[in-house]
Amino acid sequence: MLIDTHCHLDAAEFNVDRDEVVASALNHGVTGIVIPAVARCYFDDVIALCQRYQNCVYALGVHPMYVERSSLDDIDTLRAYVQNHNPIAIGEIGLDYFLTNPKEHPENIKQQTHFFVEQLKIAQQFDLPVILHVRHAVDDILKQLRKYKVKGGIAHAFNGSLQQAEQFIALGFKLGFGGAMTYTRALRIRAMAAQLPLEAIVLETDAPDIPPEWLGSAGRNSPVELPKIAQVLADLRQLNVSQVLDITSANAIKIMPKLADLYTPINALH
């Protein structure tokens, strides 16, 4: 059992061979793929993909990098979609201070924060976990999570400090580790992957982004890489990879209980 807790399977990079990617991932033991939407215009796409591929589930949300091209009405639309559909989580949501410097673009940060808070409120309303984008904004995200308490979730592509990791864990969150962990120069990420409680870690690819070291920076990432990513985590922790698969998958199901519905005999395609 192996779950990719963050994969943008709806991305255009998969348009030419999406069926083959999903089938290959399943053949390599990836039994679950979580597809988070990043904007209102993709809600229907991710829902359709999860109807097509039985080992996929979706989350719905507005990504902080998409707020400028989004409408405030999209919050109401998200609420209606959550009420009428069955997302596994609210996501991908959060804050991003990497591309947008808060001092230089205060209005964008204000907009990001508004969308983040309103989506946390939706997660509260429907008792759903959240999938968080936390790039260079960990402390402000933790501040909002303490104010708007949700059912936990995943801090995707975690790259904060050990102290920040412990704060997420205390709030009921799991931490997502993927391709960045595979780079030998990523000393801090690899140290956290080795030292944090394994019960706090879930695995992800963020495909087609954040390719692992063996693909190179220009390579297209995909869920097929997840078993090798899992092996890297096992090596860092000096564990048998089967232990890593079992525990990280159990972690994903614990934080997103609807994943349990996947674990019946399935085929990749209807």
Protein backbone atom coordinates (compact mmCIF):
# COMPACT_ATOMS: atom_id res chain seq x y z
CA MET A 1 0.00 0.00 0.00
CA LEU A 2 1.49 3.32 -1.10
CA ILE A 3 -0.28 6.69 -1.32
CA ASP A 4 0.83 9.75 -3.26
CA THR A 5 -0.75 12.42 -1.08
CA HIS A 6 -0.10 15.27 -3.54
CA CYS A 7 -0.12 14.91 -7.32
CA HIS A 8 -1.38 17.44 -9.91
CA LEU A 9 -2.52 14.77 -12.33
CA ASP A 10 -4.73 17.33 -14.06
CA ALA A 11 -1.68 19.33 -15.21
CA ALA A 12 -1.17 19.80 -18.94
CA GLU A 13 2.15 17.92 -18.72
CA PHE A 14 0.13 14.70 -18.46
CA ASN A 15 -2.24 15.36 -21.37
CA VAL A 16 -0.36 13.10 -23.79
CA ASP A 17 -0.06 9.99 -21.60
CA ARG A 18 -2.23 10.35 -18.49
CA ASP A 19 -3.78 6.88 -18.82
CA GLU A 20 -0.34 5.29 -19.06
CA VAL A 21 0.97 7.28 -16.08
CA VAL A 22 -1.89 6.17 -13.84
CA ALA A 23 -1.70 2.55 -14.97
CA SER A 24 2.07 2.46 -14.50
CA ALA A 25 1.82 3.99 -11.03
CA LEU A 26 -0.72 1.37 -10.01
CA ASN A 27 1.51 -1.37 -11.43
CA HIS A 28 4.37 0.00 -9.31
CA GLY A 29 2.27 -0.28 -6.15
CA VAL A 30 0.88 3.26 -5.89
CA THR A 31 -2.62 2.35 -4.76
CA GLY A 32 -3.86 5.88 -4.04
CA ILE A 33 -3.31 9.31 -5.60
CA VAL A 34 -4.64 12.55 -4.12
CA ILE A 35 -5.26 15.28 -6.71
CA PRO A 36 -5.63 18.78 -5.19
CA ALA A 37 -7.27 21.48 -7.28
CA VAL A 38 -5.55 24.86 -7.43
CA ALA A 39 -8.35 27.08 -8.75
CA ARG A 40 -12.09 27.12 -9.42
CA CYS A 41 -11.54 26.50 -13.13
CA TYR A 42 -10.02 23.10 -12.31
CA PHE A 43 -12.67 21.78 -9.93
CA ASP A 44 -14.58 19.92 -12.63
CA ASP A 45 -11.37 18.56 -14.14
CA VAL A 46 -10.12 16.93 -10.94
CA ILE A 47 -13.56 15.51 -10.18
CA ALA A 48 -13.74 14.02 -13.68
CA LEU A 49 -10.29 12.47 -13.32
CA CYS A 50 -11.29 10.77 -10.09
CA GLN A 51 -14.39 9.39 -11.77
CA ARG A 52 -12.16 8.04 -14.53
CA TYR A 53 -9.40 6.62 -12.34
CA GLN A 54 -10.66 4.60 -9.40
CA ASN A 55 -7.43 4.89 -7.41
CA CYS A 56 -7.60 8.71 -7.41
CA VAL A 57 -9.34 11.06 -5.00
CA TYR A 58 -9.59 14.84 -5.10
CA ALA A 59 -9.32 17.87 -2.87
CA LEU A 60 -10.83 21.23 -3.78
CA GLY A 61 -9.34 24.63 -3.07
CA VAL A 62 -7.80 27.84 -4.38
CA HIS A 63 -4.01 27.91 -4.31
CA PRO A 64 -2.35 31.12 -3.03
CA MET A 65 -0.56 31.60 -6.36
CA TYR A 66 -3.94 31.64 -8.12
CA VAL A 67 -5.77 34.20 -5.98
CA GLU A 68 -5.06 37.11 -8.34
CA ARG A 69 -6.82 35.32 -11.17
CA SER A 70 -9.65 34.21 -8.88
CA SER A 71 -12.87 35.92 -7.87
CA LEU A 72 -14.17 36.39 -4.35
CA ASP A 73 -17.25 34.50 -5.57
CA ASP A 74 -15.03 31.43 -5.92
CA ILE A 75 -15.25 30.98 -2.15
CA ASP A 76 -19.02 30.55 -2.39
CA THR A 77 -18.54 28.23 -5.36
CA LEU A 78 -16.10 26.13 -3.35
CA ARG A 79 -18.59 25.87 -0.50
CA ALA A 80 -21.29 24.70 -2.92
CA TYR A 81 -18.95 22.13 -4.50
CA VAL A 82 -17.98 20.75 -1.11
CA GLN A 83 -21.64 20.47 -0.15
CA ASN A 84 -22.66 18.75 -3.40
CA HIS A 85 -19.59 16.58 -4.02
CA ASN A 86 -17.32 14.52 -1.81
CA PRO A 87 -13.79 15.97 -1.64
CA ILE A 88 -11.27 14.25 0.55
CA ALA A 89 -9.94 17.59 1.83
CA ILE A 90 -9.85 21.33 1.22
CA GLY A 91 -6.75 22.08 -0.79
CA GLU A 92 -4.42 23.14 -2.06
CA ILE A 93 -4.64 26.25 0.09
CA GLY A 94 -2.22 28.38 2.09
CA LEU A 95 0.23 31.23 1.70
CA ASP A 96 3.23 31.75 -0.59
CA TYR A 97 5.81 34.41 0.24
CA PHE A 98 8.46 33.01 -2.11
CA LEU A 99 7.21 34.59 -5.33
CA THR A 100 5.41 37.46 -3.60
CA ASN A 101 7.41 39.47 -1.09
CA PRO A 102 5.02 40.68 1.63
CA LYS A 103 6.75 44.06 1.93
CA GLU A 104 6.66 44.71 -1.81
CA HIS A 105 3.16 43.33 -2.52
CA PRO A 106 1.01 43.85 0.59
CA GLU A 107 -2.24 43.79 -1.37
CA ASN A 108 -1.50 40.35 -2.80
CA ILE A 109 -0.66 39.04 0.66
CA LYS A 110 -3.92 40.49 1.97
CA GLN A 111 -5.75 38.67 -0.82
CA GLN A 112 -3.91 35.41 -0.15
CA THR A 113 -4.75 35.66 3.53
CA HIS A 114 -8.43 36.32 2.83
CA PHE A 115 -8.71 33.24 0.61
CA PHE A 116 -6.76 31.12 3.10
CA VAL A 117 -8.91 32.11 6.08
CA GLU A 118 -12.20 31.70 4.22
CA GLN A 119 -11.17 28.24 3.06
CA LEU A 120 -10.17 27.27 6.59
CA LYS A 121 -13.69 28.27 7.60
CA ILE A 122 -15.11 25.95 4.93
CA ALA A 123 -12.93 23.12 6.25
CA GLN A 124 -14.31 23.84 9.73
CA GLN A 125 -17.89 23.89 8.44
CA PHE A 126 -17.62 20.52 6.71
CA ASP A 127 -15.18 18.92 9.19
CA LEU A 128 -12.55 18.30 6.50
CA PRO A 129 -8.75 18.24 6.69
CA VAL A 130 -6.73 20.73 4.66
CA ILE A 131 -3.80 20.35 2.27
CA LEU A 132 -1.47 23.27 2.85
CA HIS A 133 0.94 25.17 0.62
CA VAL A 134 3.42 26.66 3.10
CA ARG A 135 6.26 28.12 1.03
CA HIS A 136 8.24 30.71 3.02
CA ALA A 137 5.12 31.47 5.09
CA VAL A 138 5.12 28.84 7.80
CA ASP A 139 4.78 31.11 10.81
CA ASP A 140 1.84 33.05 9.36
CA ILE A 141 0.12 29.81 8.41
CA LEU A 142 0.57 28.44 11.92
CA LYS A 143 -0.85 31.69 13.28
CA GLN A 144 -4.04 31.25 11.22
CA LEU A 145 -4.32 27.56 12.10
CA ARG A 146 -4.29 28.42 15.78
CA LYS A 147 -7.06 30.94 15.19
CA TYR A 148 -9.17 28.80 12.84
CA LYS A 149 -8.78 25.27 14.14
CA VAL A 150 -9.40 22.55 11.57
CA LYS A 151 -9.38 18.78 11.54
CA GLY A 152 -5.67 18.61 10.77
CA GLY A 153 -4.27 17.93 7.35
CA ILE A 154 -0.97 17.90 5.50
CA ALA A 155 1.76 20.55 5.32
CA HIS A 156 2.73 19.78 1.73
CA ALA A 157 6.40 19.86 0.62
CA PHE A 158 7.47 20.75 4.13
CA ASN A 159 10.66 22.78 4.25
CA GLY A 160 10.46 24.58 7.59
CA SER A 161 12.42 24.13 10.78
CA LEU A 162 12.25 21.27 13.25
CA GLN A 163 10.49 23.57 15.72
CA GLN A 164 7.88 24.52 13.08
CA ALA A 165 7.41 20.86 12.23
CA GLU A 166 6.68 20.11 15.86
CA GLN A 167 4.09 22.89 15.94
CA PHE A 168 2.29 21.43 12.92
CA ILE A 169 2.34 18.00 14.52
CA ALA A 170 0.89 19.44 17.74
CA LEU A 171 -1.98 20.87 15.68
CA GLY A 172 -2.77 17.44 14.24
CA PHE A 173 -0.94 17.74 10.92
CA LYS A 174 1.21 15.36 8.94
CA LEU A 175 4.22 16.60 6.97
CA GLY A 176 4.63 15.85 3.27
CA PHE A 177 8.03 14.70 2.01
CA GLY A 178 8.84 14.00 -1.63
CA GLY A 179 11.35 14.75 -4.34
CA ALA A 180 13.24 17.46 -2.43
CA MET A 181 14.22 14.85 0.16
CA THR A 182 16.06 12.82 -2.49
CA TYR A 183 18.76 15.45 -3.13
CA THR A 184 21.91 14.70 -1.16
CA ARG A 185 22.56 18.45 -0.78
CA ALA A 186 19.17 18.96 0.94
CA LEU A 187 20.72 18.38 4.35
CA ARG A 188 18.06 20.03 6.50
CA ILE A 189 15.12 18.31 4.78
CA ARG A 190 16.86 14.94 4.93
CA ALA A 191 17.71 15.44 8.61
CA MET A 192 14.07 16.16 9.42
CA ALA A 193 12.91 13.18 7.37
CA ALA A 194 15.27 11.02 9.40
CA GLN A 195 14.49 12.49 12.83
CA LEU A 196 10.79 13.34 12.93
CA PRO A 197 8.39 10.66 14.17
CA LEU A 198 7.57 8.44 11.22
CA GLU A 199 3.93 8.64 12.32
CA ALA A 200 4.03 12.34 11.33
CA ILE A 201 5.20 11.81 7.74
CA VAL A 202 3.32 11.19 4.52
CA LEU A 203 4.79 10.70 1.06
CA GLU A 204 4.06 12.76 -2.04
CA THR A 205 5.42 13.61 -5.47
CA ASP A 206 3.85 17.01 -6.28
CA ALA A 207 4.03 15.70 -9.84
CA PRO A 208 4.75 17.01 -12.38
CA ASP A 209 6.79 19.36 -10.16
CA ILE A 210 9.66 18.81 -7.67
CA PRO A 211 11.30 15.95 -9.62
CA PRO A 212 13.55 13.68 -7.56
CA GLU A 213 17.31 13.84 -7.98
CA TRP A 214 17.49 10.96 -10.45
CA LEU A 215 15.22 12.78 -12.93
CA GLY A 216 17.17 16.03 -12.86
CA SER A 217 15.71 19.50 -12.42
CA ALA A 218 14.16 19.48 -15.90
CA GLY A 219 12.55 16.05 -15.62
CA ARG A 220 8.81 15.46 -15.42
CA ASN A 221 7.88 13.98 -12.10
CA SER A 222 5.06 11.42 -11.85
CA PRO A 223 3.51 9.07 -9.25
CA VAL A 224 5.65 6.26 -10.69
CA GLU A 225 8.59 7.77 -8.78
CA LEU A 226 6.94 7.35 -5.38
CA PRO A 227 8.32 3.86 -4.58
CA LYS A 228 11.88 5.13 -5.09
CA ILE A 229 11.10 8.21 -2.95
CA ALA A 230 9.84 5.83 -0.26
CA GLN A 231 13.10 3.89 -0.51
CA VAL A 232 15.06 7.11 0.09
CA LEU A 233 13.07 7.74 3.26
CA ALA A 234 13.64 4.15 4.37
CA ASP A 235 17.39 4.50 3.79
CA LEU A 236 17.53 7.78 5.71
CA ARG A 237 15.78 6.14 8.66
CA GLN A 238 17.60 2.81 8.28
CA LEU A 239 14.30 0.96 8.03
CA ASN A 240 12.90 -1.71 5.76
CA VAL A 241 10.96 0.02 3.00
CA SER A 242 7.89 -2.10 3.79
CA GLN A 243 7.72 -0.42 7.20
CA VAL A 244 7.83 3.00 5.57
CA LEU A 245 5.08 2.04 3.11
CA ASP A 246 2.81 0.68 5.82
CA ILE A 247 3.26 3.54 8.28
CA THR A 248 3.13 6.46 5.85
CA SER A 249 0.04 4.99 4.17
CA ALA A 250 -1.64 4.53 7.55
CA ASN A 251 -0.73 8.14 8.34
CA ALA A 252 -2.39 9.34 5.14
CA ILE A 253 -5.56 7.39 5.87
CA LYS A 254 -5.64 8.67 9.44
CA ILE A 255 -5.47 12.30 8.33
CA MET A 256 -7.78 11.79 5.31
CA PRO A 257 -10.14 8.98 6.36
CA LYS A 258 -11.97 8.89 3.04
CA LEU A 259 -8.83 7.31 1.55
CA ALA A 260 -9.89 4.07 3.22
CA ASP A 261 -12.60 3.73 0.59
CA LEU A 262 -9.90 3.07 -2.03
CA TYR A 263 -8.70 -0.14 -0.51
CA THR A 264 -10.93 -2.62 -2.24
CA PRO A 265 -9.84 -4.56 -5.33
CA ILE A 266 -9.72 -2.01 -8.14
CA ASN A 267 -8.58 -1.44 -11.67
CA ALA A 268 -6.91 1.81 -12.69
CA LEU A 269 -9.51 2.54 -15.37
CA HIS A 270 -13.28 2.04 -15.50
